[in-house]
C-alpha atoms as a PDB file:
ATOM      1  CA  UNK A   1      62.547   7.366  -4.323  1.00  0.00           C
ATOM      2  CA  UNK A   2      61.786   7.388  -8.260  1.00  0.00           C
ATOM      3  CA  UNK A   3      58.057   6.286  -9.341  1.00  0.00           C
ATOM      4  CA  UNK A   4      58.442   3.341 -11.603  1.00  0.00           C
ATOM      5  CA  UNK A   5      57.420   4.079 -15.786  1.00  0.00           C
ATOM      6  CA  UNK A   6      53.712   2.947 -15.101  1.00  0.00           C
ATOM      7  CA  UNK A   7      53.229   5.117 -12.036  1.00  0.00           C
ATOM      8  CA  UNK A   8      51.486   7.905 -13.589  1.00  0.00           C
ATOM      9  CA  UNK A   9      49.634   5.199 -16.318  1.00  0.00           C
ATOM     10  CA  UNK A  10      48.098   3.795 -12.702  1.00  0.00           C
ATOM     11  CA  UNK A  11      47.064   6.994 -11.540  1.00  0.00           C
ATOM     12  CA  UNK A  12      44.603   7.712 -14.813  1.00  0.00           C
ATOM     13  CA  UNK A  13      43.743   4.407 -13.946  1.00  0.00           C
ATOM     14  CA  UNK A  14      42.457   5.300 -10.523  1.00  0.00           C
ATOM     15  CA  UNK A  15      40.779   7.912 -11.740  1.00  0.00           C
ATOM     16  CA  UNK A  16      38.542   6.271 -14.525  1.00  0.00           C
ATOM     17  CA  UNK A  17      37.678   3.933 -11.776  1.00  0.00           C
ATOM     18  CA  UNK A  18      36.296   6.379  -9.240  1.00  0.00           C
ATOM     19  CA  UNK A  19      34.637   7.712 -12.591  1.00  0.00           C
ATOM     20  CA  UNK A  20      33.175   4.838 -13.368  1.00  0.00           C
ATOM     21  CA  UNK A  21      31.844   4.282  -9.423  1.00  0.00           C
ATOM     22  CA  UNK A  22      30.713   7.770  -9.354  1.00  0.00           C
ATOM     23  CA  UNK A  23      28.491   6.908 -12.693  1.00  0.00           C
ATOM     24  CA  UNK A  24      26.857   3.816 -10.902  1.00  0.00           C
ATOM     25  CA  UNK A  25      26.179   5.502  -8.330  1.00  0.00           C
ATOM     26  CA  UNK A  26      24.181   8.326  -9.906  1.00  0.00           C
ATOM     27  CA  UNK A  27      22.329   5.195 -11.797  1.00  0.00           C
ATOM     28  CA  UNK A  28      21.281   3.749  -8.721  1.00  0.00           C
ATOM     29  CA  UNK A  29      20.316   6.641  -7.011  1.00  0.00           C
ATOM     30  CA  UNK A  30      18.337   7.524 -10.053  1.00  0.00           C
ATOM     31  CA  UNK A  31      16.999   4.109  -9.923  1.00  0.00           C
ATOM     32  CA  UNK A  32      16.044   4.424  -6.330  1.00  0.00           C
ATOM     33  CA  UNK A  33      14.301   7.550  -6.777  1.00  0.00           C
ATOM     34  CA  UNK A  34      12.098   6.415  -9.718  1.00  0.00           C
ATOM     35  CA  UNK A  35      10.928   3.058  -7.829  1.00  0.00           C
ATOM     36  CA  UNK A  36      10.047   5.130  -4.915  1.00  0.00           C
ATOM     37  CA  UNK A  37       7.858   6.968  -6.848  1.00  0.00           C
ATOM     38  CA  UNK A  38       6.048   3.875  -8.211  1.00  0.00           C
ATOM     39  CA  UNK A  39       3.191   3.743  -5.815  1.00  0.00           C
ATOM     40  CA  UNK A  40       1.446   6.710  -4.541  1.00  0.00           C
ATOM     41  CA  UNK A  41      -1.915   7.723  -3.026  1.00  0.00           C
ATOM     42  CA  UNK A  42      -4.500  10.189  -2.857  1.00  0.00           C
ATOM     43  CA  UNK A  43      -6.561  11.562  -0.314  1.00  0.00           C
ATOM     44  CA  UNK A  44      -9.441  14.021  -0.789  1.00  0.00           C
ATOM     45  CA  UNK A  45      -8.645  17.721  -0.049  1.00  0.00           C
ATOM     46  CA  UNK A  46      -5.123  16.864  -0.299  1.00  0.00           C
ATOM     47  CA  UNK A  47      -3.612  18.489  -3.071  1.00  0.00           C
ATOM     48  CA  UNK A  48      -0.883  16.341  -4.932  1.00  0.00           C
ATOM     49  CA  UNK A  49       0.300  12.452  -5.265  1.00  0.00           C
ATOM     50  CA  UNK A  50       1.711  11.347  -2.438  1.00  0.00           C
ATOM     51  CA  UNK A  51       4.523   8.385  -2.658  1.00  0.00           C
ATOM     52  CA  UNK A  52       3.919   5.365  -0.655  1.00  0.00           C
ATOM     53  CA  UNK A  53       6.705   4.321   1.796  1.00  0.00           C
ATOM     54  CA  UNK A  54       9.782   2.680  -0.216  1.00  0.00           C
ATOM     55  CA  UNK A  55      12.343   0.161   1.270  1.00  0.00           C
ATOM     56  CA  UNK A  56      14.504   0.802  -2.583  1.00  0.00           C
ATOM     57  CA  UNK A  57      16.989   3.141  -0.605  1.00  0.00           C
ATOM     58  CA  UNK A  58      18.183  -0.226   1.234  1.00  0.00           C
ATOM     59  CA  UNK A  59      18.360  -2.673  -1.808  1.00  0.00           C
ATOM     60  CA  UNK A  60      21.298  -3.658  -3.993  1.00  0.00           C
ATOM     61  CA  UNK A  61      21.240  -2.454  -7.346  1.00  0.00           C
ATOM     62  CA  UNK A  62      20.638  -5.792  -8.295  1.00  0.00           C
ATOM     63  CA  UNK A  63      17.512  -6.047  -6.622  1.00  0.00           C
ATOM     64  CA  UNK A  64      16.657  -2.309  -7.644  1.00  0.00           C
ATOM     65  CA  UNK A  65      17.259  -3.868 -10.979  1.00  0.00           C
ATOM     66  CA  UNK A  66      14.611  -7.065 -10.466  1.00  0.00           C
ATOM     67  CA  UNK A  67      12.006  -4.508  -9.393  1.00  0.00           C
ATOM     68  CA  UNK A  68      12.493  -2.151 -12.591  1.00  0.00           C
ATOM     69  CA  UNK A  69      11.826  -5.668 -14.581  1.00  0.00           C
ATOM     70  CA  UNK A  70       9.700  -7.270 -12.419  1.00  0.00           C
ATOM     71  CA  UNK A  71       7.536  -4.923 -11.702  1.00  0.00           C
ATOM     72  CA  UNK A  72       7.575  -1.629 -13.320  1.00  0.00           C
ATOM     73  CA  UNK A  73       8.626  -2.930 -16.599  1.00  0.00           C
ATOM     74  CA  UNK A  74       6.234  -5.829 -17.754  1.00  0.00           C
ATOM     75  CA  UNK A  75       6.050  -8.365 -20.414  1.00  0.00           C
ATOM     76  CA  UNK A  76       2.809  -7.692 -22.633  1.00  0.00           C
ATOM     77  CA  UNK A  77       0.864 -10.785 -22.109  1.00  0.00           C
ATOM     78  CA  UNK A  78      -1.169 -12.704 -24.842  1.00  0.00           C
ATOM     79  CA  UNK A  79      -5.076 -12.966 -24.200  1.00  0.00           C
ATOM     80  CA  UNK A  80      -4.494 -16.322 -22.817  1.00  0.00           C
ATOM     81  CA  UNK A  81      -1.972 -15.421 -20.522  1.00  0.00           C
ATOM     82  CA  UNK A  82      -3.258 -15.106 -16.719  1.00  0.00           C
ATOM     83  CA  UNK A  83      -1.462 -11.174 -15.021  1.00  0.00           C
ATOM     84  CA  UNK A  84       0.552 -11.904 -12.379  1.00  0.00           C
ATOM     85  CA  UNK A  85      -0.875 -10.598  -8.955  1.00  0.00           C
ATOM     86  CA  UNK A  86       0.425  -6.605  -8.749  1.00  0.00           C
ATOM     87  CA  UNK A  87       2.810  -7.264  -5.645  1.00  0.00           C
ATOM     88  CA  UNK A  88       2.109  -3.846  -4.628  1.00  0.00           C
ATOM     89  CA  UNK A  89      -1.521  -3.997  -4.122  1.00  0.00           C
ATOM     90  CA  UNK A  90      -1.673  -5.676  -0.522  1.00  0.00           C
ATOM     91  CA  UNK A  91      -4.925  -5.459   1.249  1.00  0.00           C
ATOM     92  CA  UNK A  92      -4.726  -2.397   4.193  1.00  0.00           C
ATOM     93  CA  UNK A  93      -7.047   0.218   5.752  1.00  0.00           C
ATOM     94  CA  UNK A  94      -7.167   3.151   3.639  1.00  0.00           C
ATOM     95  CA  UNK A  95      -9.124   6.701   4.364  1.00  0.00           C
ATOM     96  CA  UNK A  96     -12.162   7.778   3.389  1.00  0.00           C
ATOM     97  CA  UNK A  97     -11.792   9.371  -0.364  1.00  0.00           C
ATOM     98  CA  UNK A  98      -8.570   8.271  -0.373  1.00  0.00           C
ATOM     99  CA  UNK A  99      -7.246   5.604  -3.565  1.00  0.00           C
ATOM    100  CA  UNK A 100      -3.400   4.244  -4.269  1.00  0.00           C
ATOM    101  CA  UNK A 101      -1.661   4.010  -7.687  1.00  0.00           C
ATOM    102  CA  UNK A 102       0.692   2.076  -9.125  1.00  0.00           C
ATOM    103  CA  UNK A 103       2.503   2.444 -12.140  1.00  0.00           C
ATOM    104  CA  UNK A 104       3.778   0.106 -14.400  1.00  0.00           C
ATOM    105  CA  UNK A 105       4.846  -0.298 -18.262  1.00  0.00           C
ATOM    106  CA  UNK A 106       3.792  -3.050 -20.655  1.00  0.00           C
ATOM    107  CA  UNK A 107       6.326  -3.895 -22.846  1.00  0.00           C
ATOM    108  CA  UNK A 108       7.070  -6.542 -25.512  1.00  0.00           C
ATOM    109  CA  UNK A 109       8.388  -9.886 -24.295  1.00  0.00           C
ATOM    110  CA  UNK A 110      11.375  -9.454 -26.284  1.00  0.00           C
ATOM    111  CA  UNK A 111      12.370  -6.583 -25.673  1.00  0.00           C
ATOM    112  CA  UNK A 112      11.710  -7.379 -21.527  1.00  0.00           C
ATOM    113  CA  UNK A 113      13.977 -10.024 -22.116  1.00  0.00           C
ATOM    114  CA  UNK A 114      16.286  -7.898 -23.414  1.00  0.00           C
ATOM    115  CA  UNK A 115      16.139  -5.560 -20.679  1.00  0.00           C
ATOM    116  CA  UNK A 116      16.830  -8.196 -18.339  1.00  0.00           C
ATOM    117  CA  UNK A 117      19.531  -9.434 -20.127  1.00  0.00           C
ATOM    118  CA  UNK A 118      21.131  -6.445 -20.071  1.00  0.00           C
ATOM    119  CA  UNK A 119      20.409  -5.106 -16.874  1.00  0.00           C
ATOM    120  CA  UNK A 120      21.892  -7.964 -15.258  1.00  0.00           C
ATOM    121  CA  UNK A 121      25.186  -7.231 -17.301  1.00  0.00           C
ATOM    122  CA  UNK A 122      24.969  -3.822 -15.469  1.00  0.00           C
ATOM    123  CA  UNK A 123      24.937  -5.578 -12.197  1.00  0.00           C
ATOM    124  CA  UNK A 124      27.657  -7.695 -12.873  1.00  0.00           C
ATOM    125  CA  UNK A 125      29.789  -4.674 -14.126  1.00  0.00           C
ATOM    126  CA  UNK A 126      29.288  -2.925 -10.963  1.00  0.00           C
ATOM    127  CA  UNK A 127      30.168  -5.829  -9.209  1.00  0.00           C
ATOM    128  CA  UNK A 128      33.789  -6.804 -11.012  1.00  0.00           C
ATOM    129  CA  UNK A 129      34.218  -2.777 -10.773  1.00  0.00           C
ATOM    130  CA  UNK A 130      33.666  -2.705  -7.206  1.00  0.00           C
ATOM    131  CA  UNK A 131      34.623  -6.462  -5.543  1.00  0.00           C
ATOM    132  CA  UNK A 132      37.136  -7.974  -8.507  1.00  0.00           C
ATOM    133  CA  UNK A 133      39.230  -4.959  -9.985  1.00  0.00           C
ATOM    134  CA  UNK A 134      42.340  -5.765  -8.396  1.00  0.00           C
ATOM    135  CA  UNK A 135      42.042  -9.271  -9.064  1.00  0.00           C
ATOM    136  CA  UNK A 136      41.940  -9.166 -12.667  1.00  0.00           C
ATOM    137  CA  UNK A 137      44.310  -6.304 -13.988  1.00  0.00           C
ATOM    138  CA  UNK A 138      47.416  -5.838 -13.468  1.00  0.00           C
ATOM    139  CA  UNK A 139      48.423  -2.292 -12.045  1.00  0.00           C
ATOM    140  CA  UNK A 140      52.393  -3.333 -11.744  1.00  0.00           C
ATOM    141  CA  UNK A 141      53.244  -3.241 -15.502  1.00  0.00           C
ATOM    142  CA  UNK A 142      52.825  -0.607 -18.199  1.00  0.00           C
ATOM    143  CA  UNK A 143      51.096  -3.065 -20.642  1.00  0.00           C
ATOM    144  CA  UNK A 144      48.991  -4.675 -17.492  1.00  0.00           C
ATOM    145  CA  UNK A 145      47.685  -0.313 -16.996  1.00  0.00           C
ATOM    146  CA  UNK A 146      47.230   0.435 -20.907  1.00  0.00           C
ATOM    147  CA  UNK A 147      44.865  -2.487 -20.755  1.00  0.00           C
ATOM    148  CA  UNK A 148      42.974  -1.713 -17.354  1.00  0.00           C
ATOM    149  CA  UNK A 149      42.780   1.911 -18.715  1.00  0.00           C
ATOM    150  CA  UNK A 150      41.003   0.573 -21.631  1.00  0.00           C
ATOM    151  CA  UNK A 151      38.973  -1.415 -19.895  1.00  0.00           C
ATOM    152  CA  UNK A 152      37.274   1.053 -17.751  1.00  0.00           C
ATOM    153  CA  UNK A 153      36.936   3.438 -20.767  1.00  0.00           C
ATOM    154  CA  UNK A 154      34.626   0.459 -22.093  1.00  0.00           C
ATOM    155  CA  UNK A 155      33.126   0.477 -18.829  1.00  0.00           C
ATOM    156  CA  UNK A 156      32.152   3.935 -18.352  1.00  0.00           C
ATOM    157  CA  UNK A 157      30.454   3.867 -22.098  1.00  0.00           C
ATOM    158  CA  UNK A 158      28.647   0.906 -20.932  1.00  0.00           C
ATOM    159  CA  UNK A 159      27.170   2.268 -17.839  1.00  0.00           C
ATOM    160  CA  UNK A 160      26.724   6.019 -19.089  1.00  0.00           C
ATOM    161  CA  UNK A 161      24.514   4.024 -22.067  1.00  0.00           C
ATOM    162  CA  UNK A 162      22.227   2.163 -18.861  1.00  0.00           C
ATOM    163  CA  UNK A 163      22.009   5.968 -17.118  1.00  0.00           C
ATOM    164  CA  UNK A 164      20.830   7.974 -20.598  1.00  0.00           C
ATOM    165  CA  UNK A 165      18.293   5.164 -20.626  1.00  0.00           C
ATOM    166  CA  UNK A 166      17.121   5.780 -17.362  1.00  0.00           C
ATOM    167  CA  UNK A 167      17.071   9.029 -17.663  1.00  0.00           C
ATOM    168  CA  UNK A 168      14.518   8.929 -20.247  1.00  0.00           C
ATOM    169  CA  UNK A 169      12.285   6.419 -18.490  1.00  0.00           C
ATOM    170  CA  UNK A 170      12.465   8.499 -15.514  1.00  0.00           C
ATOM    171  CA  UNK A 171      11.380  11.819 -17.964  1.00  0.00           C
ATOM    172  CA  UNK A 172       8.639   9.728 -18.976  1.00  0.00           C
ATOM    173  CA  UNK A 173       7.284   8.694 -16.092  1.00  0.00           C
ATOM    174  CA  UNK A 174       7.402  12.067 -14.568  1.00  0.00           C
ATOM    175  CA  UNK A 175       6.013  13.753 -17.230  1.00  0.00           C
ATOM    176  CA  UNK A 176       2.889  11.035 -16.228  1.00  0.00           C
ATOM    177  CA  UNK A 177       2.720  11.396 -12.782  1.00  0.00           C
ATOM    178  CA  UNK A 178       2.222  15.050 -13.172  1.00  0.00           C
ATOM    179  CA  UNK A 179      -0.437  14.560 -15.816  1.00  0.00           C
ATOM    180  CA  UNK A 180      -2.450  12.299 -13.135  1.00  0.00           C
ATOM    181  CA  UNK A 181      -1.416  15.012 -10.331  1.00  0.00           C
ATOM    182  CA  UNK A 182      -3.052  17.687 -12.461  1.00  0.00           C
ATOM    183  CA  UNK A 183      -6.120  15.515 -13.535  1.00  0.00           C
ATOM    184  CA  UNK A 184      -6.542  14.444  -9.671  1.00  0.00           C
ATOM    185  CA  UNK A 185      -6.577  17.724  -8.182  1.00  0.00           C
ATOM    186  CA  UNK A 186      -9.065  18.845 -11.168  1.00  0.00           C
ATOM    187  CA  UNK A 187     -12.656  20.438  -9.961  1.00  0.00           C
ATOM    188  CA  UNK A 188     -13.775  17.624 -12.729  1.00  0.00           C
ATOM    189  CA  UNK A 189     -12.166  14.616 -11.251  1.00  0.00           C
ATOM    190  CA  UNK A 190     -13.078  16.029  -7.381  1.00  0.00           C
ATOM    191  CA  UNK A 191     -16.826  16.064  -8.572  1.00  0.00           C
ATOM    192  CA  UNK A 192     -16.500  12.318  -9.259  1.00  0.00           C
ATOM    193  CA  UNK A 193     -14.536  11.452  -6.677  1.00  0.00           C
ATOM    194  CA  UNK A 194     -16.946  12.873  -4.025  1.00  0.00           C
ATOM    195  CA  UNK A 195     -20.100  11.628  -6.271  1.00  0.00           C
ATOM    196  CA  UNK A 196     -19.135   8.291  -4.765  1.00  0.00           C
ATOM    197  CA  UNK A 197     -19.081   9.211  -1.452  1.00  0.00           C
ATOM    198  CA  UNK A 198     -22.138  10.542  -1.911  1.00  0.00           C
ATOM    199  CA  UNK A 199     -25.360   9.071   0.655  1.00  0.00           C
ATOM    200  CA  UNK A 200     -28.210   7.675  -1.324  1.00  0.00           C
ATOM    201  CA  UNK A 201     -31.540   8.623  -1.070  1.00  0.00           C
ATOM    202  CA  UNK A 202     -32.355   6.137   1.464  1.00  0.00           C
ATOM    203  CA  UNK A 203     -29.919   7.483   3.698  1.00  0.00           C
ATOM    204  CA  UNK A 204     -31.157  10.882   3.528  1.00  0.00           C
ATOM    205  CA  UNK A 205     -34.677   9.900   4.261  1.00  0.00           C
ATOM    206  CA  UNK A 206     -33.236   8.448   7.587  1.00  0.00           C
ATOM    207  CA  UNK A 207     -32.299  12.033   8.244  1.00  0.00           C
ATOM    208  CA  UNK A 208     -35.751  13.847   7.307  1.00  0.00           C
ATOM    209  CA  UNK A 209     -37.818  13.197  10.686  1.00  0.00           C
ATOM    210  CA  UNK A 210     -35.170  15.448  12.077  1.00  0.00           C
ATOM    211  CA  UNK A 211     -35.640  18.142   9.669  1.00  0.00           C
ATOM    212  CA  UNK A 212     -39.387  18.040   9.817  1.00  0.00           C
ATOM    213  CA  UNK A 213     -39.159  17.979  13.437  1.00  0.00           C
ATOM    214  CA  UNK A 214     -37.487  21.258  13.415  1.00  0.00           C
ATOM    215  CA  UNK A 215     -39.042  22.746  10.669  1.00  0.00           C
ATOM    216  CA  UNK A 216     -42.772  22.169  12.500  1.00  0.00           C
ATOM    217  CA  UNK A 217     -41.386  23.863  15.693  1.00  0.00           C
ATOM    218  CA  UNK A 218     -40.703  26.597  13.762  1.00  0.00           C
ATOM    219  CA  UNK A 219     -44.176  26.889  12.467  1.00  0.00           C
ATOM    220  CA  UNK A 220     -45.209  26.883  15.510  1.00  0.00           C
ATOM    221  CA  UNK A 221     -42.316  30.080  16.872  1.00  0.00           C
ATOM    222  CA  UNK A 222     -42.198  32.007  13.879  1.00  0.00           C
ATOM    223  CA  UNK A 223     -45.179  32.054  11.649  1.00  0.00           C
ATOM    224  CA  UNK A 224     -46.663  35.028   9.700  1.00  0.00           C
ATOM    225  CA  UNK A 225     -50.282  34.856   9.221  1.00  0.00           C
ATOM    226  CA  UNK A 226     -50.019  31.514   8.757  1.00  0.00           C
ATOM    227  CA  UNK A 227     -46.713  31.136   6.542  1.00  0.00           C
ATOM    228  CA  UNK A 228     -43.272  30.656   7.819  1.00  0.00           C
ATOM    229  CA  UNK A 229     -40.611  32.324   5.952  1.00  0.00           C
ATOM    230  CA  UNK A 230     -38.064  29.683   5.049  1.00  0.00           C
ATOM    231  CA  UNK A 231     -34.693  31.629   6.096  1.00  0.00           C
ATOM    232  CA  UNK A 232     -36.839  32.731   9.364  1.00  0.00           C
ATOM    233  CA  UNK A 233     -37.239  28.487   9.742  1.00  0.00           C
ATOM    234  CA  UNK A 234     -33.602  28.358   8.722  1.00  0.00           C
ATOM    235  CA  UNK A 235     -32.521  30.695  11.258  1.00  0.00           C
ATOM    236  CA  UNK A 236     -34.791  29.063  13.835  1.00  0.00           C
ATOM    237  CA  UNK A 237     -33.474  25.699  12.981  1.00  0.00           C
ATOM    238  CA  UNK A 238     -29.582  26.989  13.990  1.00  0.00           C
ATOM    239  CA  UNK A 239     -30.554  28.440  17.244  1.00  0.00           C
ATOM    240  CA  UNK A 240     -32.226  25.379  18.462  1.00  0.00           C
ATOM    241  CA  UNK A 241     -31.142  22.779  16.758  1.00  0.00           C
ATOM    242  CA  UNK A 242     -27.337  23.020  15.372  1.00  0.00           C
ATOM    243  CA  UNK A 243     -26.487  19.608  14.876  1.00  0.00           C
ATOM    244  CA  UNK A 244     -29.422  19.497  12.147  1.00  0.00           C
ATOM    245  CA  UNK A 245     -27.435  20.679   9.194  1.00  0.00           C
ATOM    246  CA  UNK A 246     -27.186  20.537   5.427  1.00  0.00           C
ATOM    247  CA  UNK A 247     -23.954  19.513   6.103  1.00  0.00           C
ATOM    248  CA  UNK A 248     -23.625  16.671   7.921  1.00  0.00           C
ATOM    249  CA  UNK A 249     -26.666  15.001   6.119  1.00  0.00           C
ATOM    250  CA  UNK A 250     -25.659  15.689   2.945  1.00  0.00           C
ATOM    251  CA  UNK A 251     -28.792  18.141   1.659  1.00  0.00           C
ATOM    252  CA  UNK A 252     -28.038  20.193  -0.915  1.00  0.00           C
ATOM    253  CA  UNK A 253     -30.613  22.445   0.521  1.00  0.00           C
ATOM    254  CA  UNK A 254     -33.242  23.651   2.320  1.00  0.00           C
ATOM    255  CA  UNK A 255     -35.381  23.258  -0.564  1.00  0.00           C
ATOM    256  CA  UNK A 256     -34.422  19.926  -1.161  1.00  0.00           C
ATOM    257  CA  UNK A 257     -35.505  19.066   2.534  1.00  0.00           C
ATOM    258  CA  UNK A 258     -38.680  20.514   1.634  1.00  0.00           C
ATOM    259  CA  UNK A 259     -39.097  18.713  -1.693  1.00  0.00           C
ATOM    260  CA  UNK A 260     -37.802  15.048  -0.219  1.00  0.00           C
ATOM    261  CA  UNK A 261     -39.872  15.742   3.130  1.00  0.00           C
ATOM    262  CA  UNK A 262     -43.827  15.924   0.681  1.00  0.00           C
ATOM    263  CA  UNK A 263     -45.280  17.084   3.851  1.00  0.00           C
ATOM    264  CA  UNK A 264     -45.342  20.542   3.763  1.00  0.00           C
ATOM    265  CA  UNK A 265     -47.695  23.139   1.887  1.00  0.00           C
ATOM    266  CA  UNK A 266     -44.703  25.697   0.024  1.00  0.00           C
ATOM    267  CA  UNK A 267     -45.843  28.724  -1.430  1.00  0.00           C
ATOM    268  CA  UNK A 268     -43.310  30.793  -3.390  1.00  0.00           C
ATOM    269  CA  UNK A 269     -43.795  34.412  -3.287  1.00  0.00           C
ATOM    270  CA  UNK A 270     -41.350  37.257  -4.367  1.00  0.00           C
ATOM    271  CA  UNK A 271     -38.786  34.699  -4.845  1.00  0.00           C
ATOM    272  CA  UNK A 272     -39.690  34.139  -1.067  1.00  0.00           C
ATOM    273  CA  UNK A 273     -40.316  30.642   0.013  1.00  0.00           C
ATOM    274  CA  UNK A 274     -42.622  30.294   2.999  1.00  0.00           C
ATOM    275  CA  UNK A 275     -43.965  26.586   4.466  1.00  0.00           C
END
């Protein structure tokens, strides 16, 4: 059977429609990845930032675009305006030594409004290609196929423009996260984080009687000429009271214990400490 004159043009239209749909899916996949990593958490002792669980994989392009402009990109507020509550900061149990981070970008209200409008146009374009393309195009005539070809060419250019912008946003976002990750695993930040977790002096005072008791016992067992070498007292404590440890009660050293207890006479001879 001889093909109609528009058959080759029709196949070209099919090819360009498929190209547009693939480009849209590339956009959606990158957008899902970007939004999924908007919220991250950190736990002491675990290197790197961990993405929070995300429902982005189950959202439509319209829902993703809404999340992008509602939570990721937010209009800059004036001094008189009250910021909206962050939807991502629902109160939930956090393990000790951990915290939650969420990323957002503040942009001028005019730029934000333009972004919302353009993303809605992209969503409408996607819906037209997926659901209404055949209704709006005449693919059974030569002129109709030429018109559809030109329409798809314009669609591809528009989708590609959006994808290029999204790639730039994702690149900047990833660079920010890498910088943050490098900072939170640095010794300086770990020291800062742990400093807030250290017990107060009053908490250490509550543990001092245990240390005093075991040191008094050591005085009666390992004293030499009336003095008890600190090294011998520490070994005695390890053997008789293994639960009385510096790490457990957050003391920096046994010398700190002696200093805060203030009940022992201390002698320093030949770089050794006796009590």
